[in-house]
Every structure is written in C-alpha cells, then in structure tokens.
Amino acid sequence: MVHGTKKEIIASAHQNGAMTDNQAEILCRKSEGKSLSLPGFTSITDQQAESLSRFSQLQLNGLASITDEQAHGLSKVEVLFISNSCQPLIDKFKKQ
C-alpha cells in the first residue's frame, strides 16, 4: 500500500477499501484533524479507529460492522457519517 502523500493514501484507500495503521496516522497528521471522507472504506482496525477519531468530521459509510473498541474511538468524532448498521453502537458510546 502507498505510504506517501495524503492524496495518494486516500486514493489507495478508495481503491482497496482499507489502509494500514501507519497510513491512518499519517492522514490524521497531514489533515490536521479536520475532515476526511472514505465512503468506500470497508474495514478498520482498532488503532485506525483511534487515529481517525481525531478528525472533527469523518465519513465511513462503507463499514458494515465495527467492534466495541472501534465504536468507542469513533464516537469521539464530532460529525460522523457511518452505516446504519454501525450507528447504534456509536450512539451507545456517545451517551457514556
């Protein structure tokens, strides 16, 4: 997978539906935590969820399922667009 620029990482993630933990961290640093749209992203690791939780706006509509730990991390995102199947778990952690 690509480890380069923000644009290259996003293009690779759109094409592959995934990225490495390191790429998620790089994206967060290069984007200054503002917003990120990855609607075709189909899988995520716990570490990626924690890294991506630093974005103020995040779109991950392609995820069909997430773990409790991933939901806990992603629930920190101010504006999160995620699939209907994942939303109840996100809501559970937003209420805590």
PDB file of N, CA and C in Angstrom:
ATOM      1  N   MET A   1       0.827  -1.187   0.000  1.00  0.00           N
ATOM      2  CA  MET A   1       0.000   0.000   0.000  1.00  0.00           C
ATOM      3  C   MET A   1       0.871   1.249   0.000  1.00  0.00           C
ATOM      4  N   VAL A   2       0.302   2.334  -0.419  1.00  0.00           N
ATOM      5  CA  VAL A   2       1.006   3.601  -0.524  1.00  0.00           C
ATOM      6  C   VAL A   2       1.172   4.228   0.856  1.00  0.00           C
ATOM      7  N   HIS A   3       2.366   4.804   1.123  1.00  0.00           N
ATOM      8  CA  HIS A   3       2.614   5.487   2.383  1.00  0.00           C
ATOM      9  C   HIS A   3       2.880   6.963   2.159  1.00  0.00           C
ATOM     10  N   GLY A   4       2.659   7.502   0.964  1.00  0.00           N
ATOM     11  CA  GLY A   4       3.073   8.838   0.579  1.00  0.00           C
ATOM     12  C   GLY A   4       2.191   9.979   1.023  1.00  0.00           C
ATOM     13  N   THR A   5       1.778  10.754   0.062  1.00  0.00           N
ATOM     14  CA  THR A   5       1.015  11.962   0.330  1.00  0.00           C
ATOM     15  C   THR A   5      -0.406  11.630   0.768  1.00  0.00           C
ATOM     16  N   LYS A   6      -1.062  12.639   1.317  1.00  0.00           N
ATOM     17  CA  LYS A   6      -2.457  12.485   1.728  1.00  0.00           C
ATOM     18  C   LYS A   6      -3.302  12.014   0.546  1.00  0.00           C
ATOM     19  N   LYS A   7      -3.108  12.654  -0.605  1.00  0.00           N
ATOM     20  CA  LYS A   7      -3.886  12.313  -1.804  1.00  0.00           C
ATOM     21  C   LYS A   7      -3.643  10.856  -2.219  1.00  0.00           C
ATOM     22  N   GLU A   8      -2.389  10.409  -2.168  1.00  0.00           N
ATOM     23  CA  GLU A   8      -2.059   9.030  -2.544  1.00  0.00           C
ATOM     24  C   GLU A   8      -2.673   8.024  -1.572  1.00  0.00           C
ATOM     25  N   ILE A   9      -2.625   8.337  -0.293  1.00  0.00           N
ATOM     26  CA  ILE A   9      -3.187   7.430   0.718  1.00  0.00           C
ATOM     27  C   ILE A   9      -4.701   7.315   0.544  1.00  0.00           C
ATOM     28  N   ILE A  10      -5.367   8.452   0.333  1.00  0.00           N
ATOM     29  CA  ILE A  10      -6.824   8.443   0.144  1.00  0.00           C
ATOM     30  C   ILE A  10      -7.196   7.677  -1.123  1.00  0.00           C
ATOM     31  N   ALA A  11      -6.453   7.891  -2.206  1.00  0.00           N
ATOM     32  CA  ALA A  11      -6.723   7.171  -3.459  1.00  0.00           C
ATOM     33  C   ALA A  11      -6.560   5.674  -3.259  1.00  0.00           C
ATOM     34  N   SER A  12      -5.519   5.279  -2.550  1.00  0.00           N
ATOM     35  CA  SER A  12      -5.279   3.860  -2.276  1.00  0.00           C
ATOM     36  C   SER A  12      -6.393   3.275  -1.403  1.00  0.00           C
ATOM     37  N   ALA A  13      -6.828   4.034  -0.399  1.00  0.00           N
ATOM     38  CA  ALA A  13      -7.901   3.571   0.488  1.00  0.00           C
ATOM     39  C   ALA A  13      -9.207   3.406  -0.280  1.00  0.00           C
ATOM     40  N   HIS A  14      -9.498   4.337  -1.189  1.00  0.00           N
ATOM     41  CA  HIS A  14     -10.717   4.222  -2.013  1.00  0.00           C
ATOM     42  C   HIS A  14     -10.648   2.985  -2.905  1.00  0.00           C
ATOM     43  N   GLN A  15      -9.472   2.734  -3.457  1.00  0.00           N
ATOM     44  CA  GLN A  15      -9.306   1.601  -4.365  1.00  0.00           C
ATOM     45  C   GLN A  15      -9.348   0.273  -3.625  1.00  0.00           C
ATOM     46  N   ASN A  16      -8.696   0.207  -2.456  1.00  0.00           N
ATOM     47  CA  ASN A  16      -8.568  -1.056  -1.731  1.00  0.00           C
ATOM     48  C   ASN A  16      -9.626  -1.269  -0.647  1.00  0.00           C
ATOM     49  N   GLY A  17     -10.313  -0.197  -0.256  1.00  0.00           N
ATOM     50  CA  GLY A  17     -11.290  -0.311   0.817  1.00  0.00           C
ATOM     51  C   GLY A  17     -10.660  -0.426   2.187  1.00  0.00           C
ATOM     52  N   ALA A  18      -9.349  -0.196   2.263  1.00  0.00           N
ATOM     53  CA  ALA A  18      -8.634  -0.316   3.537  1.00  0.00           C
ATOM     54  C   ALA A  18      -7.330   0.457   3.464  1.00  0.00           C
ATOM     55  N   MET A  19      -6.681   0.598   4.623  1.00  0.00           N
ATOM     56  CA  MET A  19      -5.359   1.213   4.692  1.00  0.00           C
ATOM     57  C   MET A  19      -4.615   0.620   5.876  1.00  0.00           C
ATOM     58  N   THR A  20      -3.353   0.939   5.990  1.00  0.00           N
ATOM     59  CA  THR A  20      -2.572   0.447   7.119  1.00  0.00           C
ATOM     60  C   THR A  20      -2.772   1.372   8.313  1.00  0.00           C
ATOM     61  N   ASP A  21      -2.409   0.889   9.495  1.00  0.00           N
ATOM     62  CA  ASP A  21      -2.482   1.723  10.695  1.00  0.00           C
ATOM     63  C   ASP A  21      -1.601   2.956  10.530  1.00  0.00           C
ATOM     64  N   ASN A  22      -0.423   2.772   9.949  1.00  0.00           N
ATOM     65  CA  ASN A  22       0.511   3.875   9.728  1.00  0.00           C
ATOM     66  C   ASN A  22      -0.090   4.926   8.788  1.00  0.00           C
ATOM     67  N   GLN A  23      -0.767   4.489   7.746  1.00  0.00           N
ATOM     68  CA  GLN A  23      -1.394   5.422   6.812  1.00  0.00           C
ATOM     69  C   GLN A  23      -2.490   6.244   7.502  1.00  0.00           C
ATOM     70  N   ALA A  24      -3.252   5.614   8.386  1.00  0.00           N
ATOM     71  CA  ALA A  24      -4.294   6.339   9.125  1.00  0.00           C
ATOM     72  C   ALA A  24      -3.660   7.429   9.982  1.00  0.00           C
ATOM     73  N   GLU A  25      -2.556   7.111  10.608  1.00  0.00           N
ATOM     74  CA  GLU A  25      -1.854   8.088  11.441  1.00  0.00           C
ATOM     75  C   GLU A  25      -1.305   9.234  10.591  1.00  0.00           C
ATOM     76  N   ILE A  26      -0.741   8.903   9.440  1.00  0.00           N
ATOM     77  CA  ILE A  26      -0.206   9.920   8.521  1.00  0.00           C
ATOM     78  C   ILE A  26      -1.334  10.839   8.046  1.00  0.00           C
ATOM     79  N   LEU A  27      -2.473  10.258   7.676  1.00  0.00           N
ATOM     80  CA  LEU A  27      -3.621  11.059   7.232  1.00  0.00           C
ATOM     81  C   LEU A  27      -4.056  12.046   8.303  1.00  0.00           C
ATOM     82  N   CYS A  28      -4.085  11.581   9.516  1.00  0.00           N
ATOM     83  CA  CYS A  28      -4.514  12.443  10.609  1.00  0.00           C
ATOM     84  C   CYS A  28      -3.547  13.612  10.775  1.00  0.00           C
ATOM     85  N   ARG A  29      -2.263  13.343  10.711  1.00  0.00           N
ATOM     86  CA  ARG A  29      -1.264  14.409  10.838  1.00  0.00           C
ATOM     87  C   ARG A  29      -1.335  15.377   9.664  1.00  0.00           C
ATOM     88  N   LYS A  30      -1.449  14.853   8.442  1.00  0.00           N
ATOM     89  CA  LYS A  30      -1.442  15.703   7.246  1.00  0.00           C
ATOM     90  C   LYS A  30      -2.743  16.469   7.060  1.00  0.00           C
ATOM     91  N   SER A  31      -3.819  16.005   7.649  1.00  0.00           N
ATOM     92  CA  SER A  31      -5.119  16.665   7.500  1.00  0.00           C
ATOM     93  C   SER A  31      -5.410  17.612   8.648  1.00  0.00           C
ATOM     94  N   GLU A  32      -4.550  17.615   9.631  1.00  0.00           N
ATOM     95  CA  GLU A  32      -4.721  18.451  10.823  1.00  0.00           C
ATOM     96  C   GLU A  32      -6.068  18.188  11.503  1.00  0.00           C
ATOM     97  N   GLY A  33      -6.554  16.957  11.378  1.00  0.00           N
ATOM     98  CA  GLY A  33      -7.761  16.551  12.088  1.00  0.00           C
ATOM     99  C   GLY A  33      -9.059  17.209  11.663  1.00  0.00           C
ATOM    100  N   LYS A  34      -9.124  17.774  10.476  1.00  0.00           N
ATOM    101  CA  LYS A  34     -10.331  18.496  10.053  1.00  0.00           C
ATOM    102  C   LYS A  34     -11.421  17.553   9.572  1.00  0.00           C
ATOM    103  N   SER A  35     -11.353  17.105   8.331  1.00  0.00           N
ATOM    104  CA  SER A  35     -12.383  16.207   7.820  1.00  0.00           C
ATOM    105  C   SER A  35     -11.771  15.222   6.835  1.00  0.00           C
ATOM    106  N   LEU A  36     -12.422  14.075   6.749  1.00  0.00           N
ATOM    107  CA  LEU A  36     -11.955  13.017   5.865  1.00  0.00           C
ATOM    108  C   LEU A  36     -13.163  12.226   5.382  1.00  0.00           C
ATOM    109  N   SER A  37     -13.191  11.951   4.092  1.00  0.00           N
ATOM    110  CA  SER A  37     -14.284  11.182   3.504  1.00  0.00           C
ATOM    111  C   SER A  37     -13.717   9.901   2.892  1.00  0.00           C
ATOM    112  N   LEU A  38     -14.107   8.774   3.461  1.00  0.00           N
ATOM    113  CA  LEU A  38     -13.706   7.451   2.960  1.00  0.00           C
ATOM    114  C   LEU A  38     -14.947   6.560   2.841  1.00  0.00           C
ATOM    115  N   PRO A  39     -15.886   6.907   1.956  1.00  0.00           N
ATOM    116  CA  PRO A  39     -17.142   6.153   1.877  1.00  0.00           C
ATOM    117  C   PRO A  39     -16.964   4.705   1.419  1.00  0.00           C
ATOM    118  N   GLY A  40     -15.868   4.396   0.739  1.00  0.00           N
ATOM    119  CA  GLY A  40     -15.646   3.034   0.272  1.00  0.00           C
ATOM    120  C   GLY A  40     -14.813   2.191   1.218  1.00  0.00           C
ATOM    121  N   PHE A  41     -14.472   2.744   2.355  1.00  0.00           N
ATOM    122  CA  PHE A  41     -13.657   2.060   3.359  1.00  0.00           C
ATOM    123  C   PHE A  41     -14.480   0.923   3.951  1.00  0.00           C
ATOM    124  N   THR A  42     -14.013  -0.326   3.832  1.00  0.00           N
ATOM    125  CA  THR A  42     -14.821  -1.475   4.257  1.00  0.00           C
ATOM    126  C   THR A  42     -14.309  -2.191   5.498  1.00  0.00           C
ATOM    127  N   SER A  43     -13.094  -1.861   5.929  1.00  0.00           N
ATOM    128  CA  SER A  43     -12.578  -2.481   7.150  1.00  0.00           C
ATOM    129  C   SER A  43     -11.712  -1.484   7.898  1.00  0.00           C
ATOM    130  N   ILE A  44     -11.641  -1.674   9.209  1.00  0.00           N
ATOM    131  CA  ILE A  44     -10.892  -0.758  10.056  1.00  0.00           C
ATOM    132  C   ILE A  44     -10.328  -1.535  11.236  1.00  0.00           C
ATOM    133  N   THR A  45      -9.154  -1.142  11.689  1.00  0.00           N
ATOM    134  CA  THR A  45      -8.562  -1.761  12.877  1.00  0.00           C
ATOM    135  C   THR A  45      -8.829  -0.870  14.083  1.00  0.00           C
ATOM    136  N   ASP A  46      -8.605  -1.410  15.268  1.00  0.00           N
ATOM    137  CA  ASP A  46      -8.786  -0.620  16.485  1.00  0.00           C
ATOM    138  C   ASP A  46      -7.864   0.598  16.472  1.00  0.00           C
ATOM    139  N   GLN A  47      -6.624   0.403  16.045  1.00  0.00           N
ATOM    140  CA  GLN A  47      -5.662   1.504  16.006  1.00  0.00           C
ATOM    141  C   GLN A  47      -6.084   2.580  15.002  1.00  0.00           C
ATOM    142  N   GLN A  48      -6.599   2.167  13.850  1.00  0.00           N
ATOM    143  CA  GLN A  48      -7.075   3.128  12.854  1.00  0.00           C
ATOM    144  C   GLN A  48      -8.255   3.929  13.400  1.00  0.00           C
ATOM    145  N   ALA A  49      -9.174   3.256  14.079  1.00  0.00           N
ATOM    146  CA  ALA A  49     -10.326   3.940  14.661  1.00  0.00           C
ATOM    147  C   ALA A  49      -9.854   4.996  15.656  1.00  0.00           C
ATOM    148  N   GLU A  50      -8.857   4.665  16.447  1.00  0.00           N
ATOM    149  CA  GLU A  50      -8.332   5.627  17.418  1.00  0.00           C
ATOM    150  C   GLU A  50      -7.664   6.802  16.711  1.00  0.00           C
ATOM    151  N   SER A  51      -6.884   6.534  15.673  1.00  0.00           N
ATOM    152  CA  SER A  51      -6.238   7.613  14.909  1.00  0.00           C
ATOM    153  C   SER A  51      -7.280   8.494  14.234  1.00  0.00           C
ATOM    154  N   LEU A  52      -8.247   7.881  13.566  1.00  0.00           N
ATOM    155  CA  LEU A  52      -9.260   8.628  12.825  1.00  0.00           C
ATOM    156  C   LEU A  52     -10.215   9.379  13.747  1.00  0.00           C
ATOM    157  N   SER A  53     -10.257   9.000  15.016  1.00  0.00           N
ATOM    158  CA  SER A  53     -11.146   9.681  15.973  1.00  0.00           C
ATOM    159  C   SER A  53     -10.733  11.131  16.205  1.00  0.00           C
ATOM    160  N   ARG A  54      -9.543  11.499  15.755  1.00  0.00           N
ATOM    161  CA  ARG A  54      -9.075  12.878  15.919  1.00  0.00           C
ATOM    162  C   ARG A  54      -9.639  13.821  14.860  1.00  0.00           C
ATOM    163  N   PHE A  55     -10.333  13.277  13.857  1.00  0.00           N
ATOM    164  CA  PHE A  55     -10.974  14.130  12.859  1.00  0.00           C
ATOM    165  C   PHE A  55     -12.235  14.740  13.460  1.00  0.00           C
ATOM    166  N   SER A  56     -12.550  15.968  13.068  1.00  0.00           N
ATOM    167  CA  SER A  56     -13.791  16.576  13.552  1.00  0.00           C
ATOM    168  C   SER A  56     -14.978  16.111  12.708  1.00  0.00           C
ATOM    169  N   GLN A  57     -14.710  15.740  11.447  1.00  0.00           N
ATOM    170  CA  GLN A  57     -15.759  15.208  10.567  1.00  0.00           C
ATOM    171  C   GLN A  57     -15.191  14.031   9.798  1.00  0.00           C
ATOM    172  N   LEU A  58     -15.932  12.933   9.784  1.00  0.00           N
ATOM    173  CA  LEU A  58     -15.445  11.698   9.181  1.00  0.00           C
ATOM    174  C   LEU A  58     -16.588  10.957   8.505  1.00  0.00           C
ATOM    175  N   GLN A  59     -16.339  10.481   7.291  1.00  0.00           N
ATOM    176  CA  GLN A  59     -17.344   9.706   6.561  1.00  0.00           C
ATOM    177  C   GLN A  59     -16.798   8.302   6.324  1.00  0.00           C
ATOM    178  N   LEU A  60     -17.481   7.309   6.902  1.00  0.00           N
ATOM    179  CA  LEU A  60     -17.093   5.897   6.785  1.00  0.00           C
ATOM    180  C   LEU A  60     -18.319   5.041   6.482  1.00  0.00           C
ATOM    181  N   ASN A  61     -19.104   5.423   5.506  1.00  0.00           N
ATOM    182  CA  ASN A  61     -20.352   4.725   5.203  1.00  0.00           C
ATOM    183  C   ASN A  61     -20.168   3.287   4.733  1.00  0.00           C
ATOM    184  N   GLY A  62     -18.980   2.900   4.304  1.00  0.00           N
ATOM    185  CA  GLY A  62     -18.756   1.558   3.772  1.00  0.00           C
ATOM    186  C   GLY A  62     -18.561   0.486   4.820  1.00  0.00           C
ATOM    187  N   LEU A  63     -18.410   0.888   6.082  1.00  0.00           N
ATOM    188  CA  LEU A  63     -18.212  -0.108   7.139  1.00  0.00           C
ATOM    189  C   LEU A  63     -19.532  -0.797   7.466  1.00  0.00           C
ATOM    190  N   ALA A  64     -19.539  -2.114   7.398  1.00  0.00           N
ATOM    191  CA  ALA A  64     -20.762  -2.868   7.703  1.00  0.00           C
ATOM    192  C   ALA A  64     -20.815  -3.249   9.175  1.00  0.00           C
ATOM    193  N   SER A  65     -19.657  -3.348   9.809  1.00  0.00           N
ATOM    194  CA  SER A  65     -19.624  -3.708  11.227  1.00  0.00           C
ATOM    195  C   SER A  65     -18.349  -3.146  11.857  1.00  0.00           C
ATOM    196  N   ILE A  66     -18.435  -2.900  13.168  1.00  0.00           N
ATOM    197  CA  ILE A  66     -17.294  -2.437  13.950  1.00  0.00           C
ATOM    198  C   ILE A  66     -17.350  -3.094  15.320  1.00  0.00           C
ATOM    199  N   THR A  67     -16.213  -3.120  15.990  1.00  0.00           N
ATOM    200  CA  THR A  67     -16.149  -3.684  17.341  1.00  0.00           C
ATOM    201  C   THR A  67     -16.487  -2.597  18.364  1.00  0.00           C
ATOM    202  N   ASP A  68     -16.691  -3.014  19.598  1.00  0.00           N
ATOM    203  CA  ASP A  68     -16.937  -2.049  20.672  1.00  0.00           C
ATOM    204  C   ASP A  68     -15.778  -1.070  20.798  1.00  0.00           C
ATOM    205  N   GLU A  69     -14.561  -1.574  20.725  1.00  0.00           N
ATOM    206  CA  GLU A  69     -13.383  -0.709  20.857  1.00  0.00           C
ATOM    207  C   GLU A  69     -13.318   0.314  19.717  1.00  0.00           C
ATOM    208  N   GLN A  70     -13.639  -0.117  18.509  1.00  0.00           N
ATOM    209  CA  GLN A  70     -13.651   0.796  17.369  1.00  0.00           C
ATOM    210  C   GLN A  70     -14.753   1.842  17.530  1.00  0.00           C
ATOM    211  N   ALA A  71     -15.919   1.410  17.990  1.00  0.00           N
ATOM    212  CA  ALA A  71     -17.034   2.328  18.216  1.00  0.00           C
ATOM    213  C   ALA A  71     -16.676   3.350  19.286  1.00  0.00           C
ATOM    214  N   HIS A  72     -15.998   2.907  20.321  1.00  0.00           N
ATOM    215  CA  HIS A  72     -15.584   3.824  21.386  1.00  0.00           C
ATOM    216  C   HIS A  72     -14.685   4.917  20.814  1.00  0.00           C
ATOM    217  N   GLY A  73     -13.725   4.546  19.976  1.00  0.00           N
ATOM    218  CA  GLY A  73     -12.843   5.529  19.351  1.00  0.00           C
ATOM    219  C   GLY A  73     -13.595   6.444  18.410  1.00  0.00           C
ATOM    220  N   LEU A  74     -14.380   5.875  17.529  1.00  0.00           N
ATOM    221  CA  LEU A  74     -15.095   6.666  16.520  1.00  0.00           C
ATOM    222  C   LEU A  74     -16.184   7.549  17.130  1.00  0.00           C
ATOM    223  N   SER A  75     -16.672   7.204  18.312  1.00  0.00           N
ATOM    224  CA  SER A  75     -17.709   8.021  18.952  1.00  0.00           C
ATOM    225  C   SER A  75     -17.175   9.395  19.359  1.00  0.00           C
ATOM    226  N   LYS A  76     -15.868   9.569  19.347  1.00  0.00           N
ATOM    227  CA  LYS A  76     -15.247  10.855  19.689  1.00  0.00           C
ATOM    228  C   LYS A  76     -15.308  11.854  18.533  1.00  0.00           C
ATOM    229  N   VAL A  77     -15.619  11.370  17.335  1.00  0.00           N
ATOM    230  CA  VAL A  77     -15.695  12.247  16.160  1.00  0.00           C
ATOM    231  C   VAL A  77     -16.943  13.122  16.294  1.00  0.00           C
ATOM    232  N   GLU A  78     -16.751  14.421  16.107  1.00  0.00           N
ATOM    233  CA  GLU A  78     -17.856  15.369  16.272  1.00  0.00           C
ATOM    234  C   GLU A  78     -18.998  15.102  15.291  1.00  0.00           C
ATOM    235  N   VAL A  79     -18.675  14.967  13.994  1.00  0.00           N
ATOM    236  CA  VAL A  79     -19.669  14.681  12.956  1.00  0.00           C
ATOM    237  C   VAL A  79     -19.216  13.415  12.235  1.00  0.00           C
ATOM    238  N   LEU A  80     -19.942  12.330  12.459  1.00  0.00           N
ATOM    239  CA  LEU A  80     -19.568  11.032  11.894  1.00  0.00           C
ATOM    240  C   LEU A  80     -20.687  10.519  10.998  1.00  0.00           C
ATOM    241  N   PHE A  81     -20.343  10.203   9.765  1.00  0.00           N
ATOM    242  CA  PHE A  81     -21.270   9.563   8.833  1.00  0.00           C
ATOM    243  C   PHE A  81     -20.831   8.116   8.723  1.00  0.00           C
ATOM    244  N   ILE A  82     -21.690   7.228   9.190  1.00  0.00           N
ATOM    245  CA  ILE A  82     -21.357   5.802   9.227  1.00  0.00           C
ATOM    246  C   ILE A  82     -22.615   5.011   8.874  1.00  0.00           C
ATOM    247  N   SER A  83     -22.464   3.766   8.489  1.00  0.00           N
ATOM    248  CA  SER A  83     -23.609   2.961   8.060  1.00  0.00           C
ATOM    249  C   SER A  83     -24.631   2.802   9.185  1.00  0.00           C
ATOM    250  N   ASN A  84     -25.873   2.579   8.786  1.00  0.00           N
ATOM    251  CA  ASN A  84     -26.961   2.381   9.750  1.00  0.00           C
ATOM    252  C   ASN A  84     -26.702   1.189  10.660  1.00  0.00           C
ATOM    253  N   SER A  85     -25.982   0.186  10.151  1.00  0.00           N
ATOM    254  CA  SER A  85     -25.715  -0.999  10.969  1.00  0.00           C
ATOM    255  C   SER A  85     -24.723  -0.703  12.094  1.00  0.00           C
ATOM    256  N   CYS A  86     -23.878   0.309  11.937  1.00  0.00           N
ATOM    257  CA  CYS A  86     -22.884   0.666  12.952  1.00  0.00           C
ATOM    258  C   CYS A  86     -23.358   1.772  13.887  1.00  0.00           C
ATOM    259  N   GLN A  87     -24.324   2.551  13.460  1.00  0.00           N
ATOM    260  CA  GLN A  87     -24.748   3.734  14.220  1.00  0.00           C
ATOM    261  C   GLN A  87     -25.200   3.440  15.652  1.00  0.00           C
ATOM    262  N   PRO A  88     -25.984   2.368  15.913  1.00  0.00           N
ATOM    263  CA  PRO A  88     -26.407   2.109  17.294  1.00  0.00           C
ATOM    264  C   PRO A  88     -25.238   1.917  18.262  1.00  0.00           C
ATOM    265  N   LEU A  89     -24.179   1.276  17.808  1.00  0.00           N
ATOM    266  CA  LEU A  89     -23.014   1.075  18.668  1.00  0.00           C
ATOM    267  C   LEU A  89     -22.297   2.396  18.925  1.00  0.00           C
ATOM    268  N   ILE A  90     -22.210   3.249  17.917  1.00  0.00           N
ATOM    269  CA  ILE A  90     -21.625   4.584  18.093  1.00  0.00           C
ATOM    270  C   ILE A  90     -22.459   5.362  19.111  1.00  0.00           C
ATOM    271  N   ASP A  91     -23.772   5.322  18.953  1.00  0.00           N
ATOM    272  CA  ASP A  91     -24.673   6.042  19.866  1.00  0.00           C
ATOM    273  C   ASP A  91     -24.500   5.576  21.309  1.00  0.00           C
ATOM    274  N   LYS A  92     -24.300   4.284  21.500  1.00  0.00           N
ATOM    275  CA  LYS A  92     -24.102   3.717  22.833  1.00  0.00           C
ATOM    276  C   LYS A  92     -22.920   4.395  23.530  1.00  0.00           C
ATOM    277  N   PHE A  93     -21.831   4.611  22.795  1.00  0.00           N
ATOM    278  CA  PHE A  93     -20.649   5.209  23.400  1.00  0.00           C
ATOM    279  C   PHE A  93     -20.739   6.725  23.491  1.00  0.00           C
ATOM    280  N   LYS A  94     -21.492   7.353  22.618  1.00  0.00           N
ATOM    281  CA  LYS A  94     -21.680   8.819  22.701  1.00  0.00           C
ATOM    282  C   LYS A  94     -22.459   9.180  23.967  1.00  0.00           C
ATOM    283  N   LYS A  95     -23.328   8.297  24.428  1.00  0.00           N
ATOM    284  CA  LYS A  95     -24.142   8.552  25.608  1.00  0.00           C
ATOM    285  C   LYS A  95     -23.357   8.381  26.903  1.00  0.00           C
ATOM    286  N   GLN A  96     -22.219   7.714  26.845  1.00  0.00           N
ATOM    287  CA  GLN A  96     -21.429   7.457  28.062  1.00  0.00           C
ATOM    288  C   GLN A  96     -20.606   8.647  28.465  1.00  0.00           C
TER     289      GLN A  96
END
